[in-house]
């Protein structure tokens, strides 16, 4: 798709909202190249979630804009995400995990008053056992969240904060300002 030289105001306001939101310190955001064939205009950020200095999750949030709107989006803006989290191996087989992971997203958006419509996605959980040169001490497990939704406002800062809250939930970070019991035990 050919992109005109000046982006529409709706897109520039939505990008400004994503840039203005400040997540908690354990979540590092970086602007990245956005896919160019999904919509007339696109913007993307990546996130790295740290716990005790180690990367425990990563994700991408992509803002798409079609000035004429898109029927399946029910609007002219769309947010698309992919989040990958390494899990503790005992969680990998939990049959309730996909439903819980989906509520991490919807609850986080709702708690940040990030109004949306046309939300959909998939949750995938995998377990891997490594052999030979890749052998590890324990099986590894991953959770993948793929989702998209249409913000009902051009102010996307609440959506970015909700997305970051979902990232924090996937790795079990306590709410901001709350010290986890394991951290409290190490300090004392």
Protein backbone atom coordinates (compact mmCIF):
# COMPACT_ATOMS: atom_id res chain seq x y z
CA UNK A 1 0.00 0.00 0.00
CA UNK A 2 1.25 3.47 -0.83
CA UNK A 3 1.39 5.72 2.19
CA UNK A 4 0.71 9.42 1.69
CA UNK A 5 3.39 11.79 3.04
CA UNK A 6 1.49 13.16 6.06
CA UNK A 7 -0.22 10.65 8.37
CA UNK A 8 -3.83 11.41 9.33
CA UNK A 9 -4.46 13.18 12.65
CA UNK A 10 -6.22 10.10 14.08
CA UNK A 11 -3.06 8.05 13.56
CA UNK A 12 -0.68 10.70 14.92
CA UNK A 13 -2.85 11.10 18.07
CA UNK A 14 -2.89 7.33 18.58
CA UNK A 15 0.90 7.12 18.18
CA UNK A 16 1.34 10.04 20.61
CA UNK A 17 -0.76 8.14 23.18
CA UNK A 18 1.47 5.08 22.89
CA UNK A 19 4.61 7.19 23.22
CA UNK A 20 3.27 9.14 26.23
CA UNK A 21 2.45 6.18 28.47
CA UNK A 22 5.14 5.30 31.01
CA UNK A 23 5.15 1.66 32.15
CA UNK A 24 6.54 0.30 35.39
CA UNK A 25 10.37 0.12 35.59
CA UNK A 26 10.57 -3.66 35.02
CA UNK A 27 9.13 -3.20 31.51
CA UNK A 28 11.48 -1.72 28.92
CA UNK A 29 9.83 -0.31 25.79
CA UNK A 30 11.48 0.40 22.46
CA UNK A 31 10.04 1.64 19.19
CA UNK A 32 10.63 -0.89 16.42
CA UNK A 33 9.93 -1.07 12.70
CA UNK A 34 6.25 -1.79 12.09
CA UNK A 35 5.00 -4.21 9.44
CA UNK A 36 4.14 -2.17 6.34
CA UNK A 37 1.64 -4.41 4.55
CA UNK A 38 -1.03 -4.81 7.22
CA UNK A 39 -2.53 -1.32 6.98
CA UNK A 40 -1.97 2.08 5.38
CA UNK A 41 -0.24 3.28 8.58
CA UNK A 42 1.51 1.30 11.28
CA UNK A 43 3.55 1.92 14.43
CA UNK A 44 5.11 -0.66 16.76
CA UNK A 45 6.81 -1.01 20.13
CA UNK A 46 8.55 -3.97 21.70
CA UNK A 47 8.68 -4.75 25.39
CA UNK A 48 11.13 -6.68 27.49
CA UNK A 49 10.03 -7.65 30.99
CA UNK A 50 12.76 -8.03 33.59
CA UNK A 51 12.62 -9.78 36.94
CA UNK A 52 15.73 -9.59 39.09
CA UNK A 53 17.61 -8.35 36.00
CA UNK A 54 16.67 -11.37 33.86
CA UNK A 55 14.43 -11.21 30.80
CA UNK A 56 11.32 -13.25 31.59
CA UNK A 57 8.92 -12.11 28.85
CA UNK A 58 8.87 -10.16 25.63
CA UNK A 59 6.20 -8.74 23.41
CA UNK A 60 5.24 -6.48 20.55
CA UNK A 61 2.33 -4.09 20.29
CA UNK A 62 1.46 -2.87 16.81
CA UNK A 63 -0.90 0.00 16.03
CA UNK A 64 -2.60 -0.23 12.64
CA UNK A 65 -4.64 2.52 10.97
CA UNK A 66 -6.88 2.35 7.92
CA UNK A 67 -8.36 5.84 7.34
CA UNK A 68 -11.46 4.42 5.63
CA UNK A 69 -11.98 1.93 8.44
CA UNK A 70 -12.09 -1.84 8.30
CA UNK A 71 -15.34 -3.80 8.70
CA UNK A 72 -13.88 -6.62 10.82
CA UNK A 73 -12.09 -4.11 13.06
CA UNK A 74 -15.28 -2.11 13.59
CA UNK A 75 -13.16 1.05 13.40
CA UNK A 76 -10.13 2.61 11.77
CA UNK A 77 -7.52 1.74 14.44
CA UNK A 78 -6.41 -1.74 15.53
CA UNK A 79 -3.94 -2.90 18.18
CA UNK A 80 -2.23 -6.25 17.61
CA UNK A 81 0.02 -8.02 20.10
CA UNK A 82 2.27 -11.02 20.41
CA UNK A 83 3.64 -11.84 23.87
CA UNK A 84 5.98 -14.73 24.72
CA UNK A 85 6.63 -15.83 28.29
CA UNK A 86 8.79 -18.62 29.68
CA UNK A 87 6.80 -20.48 32.33
CA UNK A 88 7.73 -22.65 35.23
CA UNK A 89 7.48 -26.21 33.91
CA UNK A 90 4.75 -27.21 36.38
CA UNK A 91 2.42 -24.59 34.83
CA UNK A 92 2.82 -25.87 31.26
CA UNK A 93 0.19 -28.58 31.56
CA UNK A 94 -2.39 -26.58 33.48
CA UNK A 95 -5.61 -26.82 31.45
CA UNK A 96 -6.91 -23.56 32.95
CA UNK A 97 -3.85 -21.54 31.92
CA UNK A 98 -5.17 -20.35 28.52
CA UNK A 99 -8.41 -19.02 30.03
CA UNK A 100 -6.49 -17.33 32.86
CA UNK A 101 -4.01 -15.79 30.40
CA UNK A 102 -6.89 -14.38 28.34
CA UNK A 103 -8.32 -12.71 31.44
CA UNK A 104 -4.90 -11.19 32.14
CA UNK A 105 -5.36 -9.24 28.92
CA UNK A 106 -9.03 -8.32 29.20
CA UNK A 107 -8.83 -7.50 32.93
CA UNK A 108 -5.74 -5.32 32.41
CA UNK A 109 -7.44 -3.35 29.62
CA UNK A 110 -10.59 -2.97 31.71
CA UNK A 111 -8.66 -1.88 34.83
CA UNK A 112 -6.95 0.87 32.81
CA UNK A 113 -10.23 2.07 31.27
CA UNK A 114 -8.91 1.12 27.83
CA UNK A 115 -12.25 0.83 26.02
CA UNK A 116 -12.22 -1.62 23.12
CA UNK A 117 -14.35 -3.65 20.75
CA UNK A 118 -13.84 -6.60 18.38
CA UNK A 119 -11.26 -8.32 20.61
CA UNK A 120 -9.99 -11.74 19.62
CA UNK A 121 -6.94 -13.91 19.96
CA UNK A 122 -5.28 -17.18 20.83
CA UNK A 123 -3.32 -18.46 23.81
CA UNK A 124 -0.79 -21.22 23.17
CA UNK A 125 1.09 -23.15 25.81
CA UNK A 126 3.97 -25.45 24.92
CA UNK A 127 6.35 -27.70 26.80
CA UNK A 128 9.72 -28.72 25.42
CA UNK A 129 12.29 -31.25 26.54
CA UNK A 130 15.78 -30.73 25.15
CA UNK A 131 18.14 -33.52 24.09
CA UNK A 132 21.73 -33.93 22.94
CA UNK A 133 23.72 -30.71 22.63
CA UNK A 134 20.62 -28.71 23.65
CA UNK A 135 19.94 -30.79 26.76
CA UNK A 136 18.90 -28.80 29.79
CA UNK A 137 18.30 -29.64 33.42
CA UNK A 138 14.50 -29.38 33.21
CA UNK A 139 11.84 -29.20 30.53
CA UNK A 140 10.98 -25.69 29.40
CA UNK A 141 7.51 -24.28 28.96
CA UNK A 142 6.27 -21.24 27.07
CA UNK A 143 3.08 -19.25 26.85
CA UNK A 144 2.23 -17.24 23.76
CA UNK A 145 -0.51 -14.63 23.64
CA UNK A 146 -1.67 -13.39 20.22
CA UNK A 147 -4.50 -10.91 20.30
CA UNK A 148 -5.96 -7.87 18.59
CA UNK A 149 -8.62 -5.33 19.50
CA UNK A 150 -10.02 -2.04 18.31
CA UNK A 151 -9.64 0.92 20.66
CA UNK A 152 -12.82 2.97 20.79
CA UNK A 153 -10.83 6.17 21.42
CA UNK A 154 -7.78 7.66 19.74
CA UNK A 155 -6.17 8.05 23.18
CA UNK A 156 -4.16 4.85 23.23
CA UNK A 157 -2.10 5.52 26.38
CA UNK A 158 -4.56 3.50 28.50
CA UNK A 159 -4.19 0.60 26.04
CA UNK A 160 -0.41 0.63 26.35
CA UNK A 161 -0.64 0.71 30.15
CA UNK A 162 -3.18 -2.13 30.11
CA UNK A 163 -0.93 -4.13 27.78
CA UNK A 164 2.01 -3.57 30.13
CA UNK A 165 -0.11 -4.66 33.10
CA UNK A 166 -0.93 -7.86 31.20
CA UNK A 167 2.79 -8.42 30.60
CA UNK A 168 3.41 -8.00 34.33
CA UNK A 169 0.66 -10.53 35.12
CA UNK A 170 2.14 -13.12 32.78
CA UNK A 171 5.34 -13.24 34.82
CA UNK A 172 3.77 -12.78 38.24
CA UNK A 173 5.11 -9.31 39.04
CA UNK A 174 3.35 -7.84 42.06
CA UNK A 175 1.30 -4.67 41.54
CA UNK A 176 3.42 -1.49 41.50
CA UNK A 177 4.33 -0.44 45.04
CA UNK A 178 3.82 -3.94 46.47
CA UNK A 179 6.82 -6.02 47.55
CA UNK A 180 6.52 -9.74 46.89
CA UNK A 181 7.09 -12.12 49.79
CA UNK A 182 10.17 -13.59 48.10
CA UNK A 183 11.71 -10.09 47.75
CA UNK A 184 10.84 -9.22 51.34
CA UNK A 185 12.49 -12.45 52.56
CA UNK A 186 15.75 -11.71 50.67
CA UNK A 187 15.99 -8.17 52.05
CA UNK A 188 15.39 -9.09 55.69
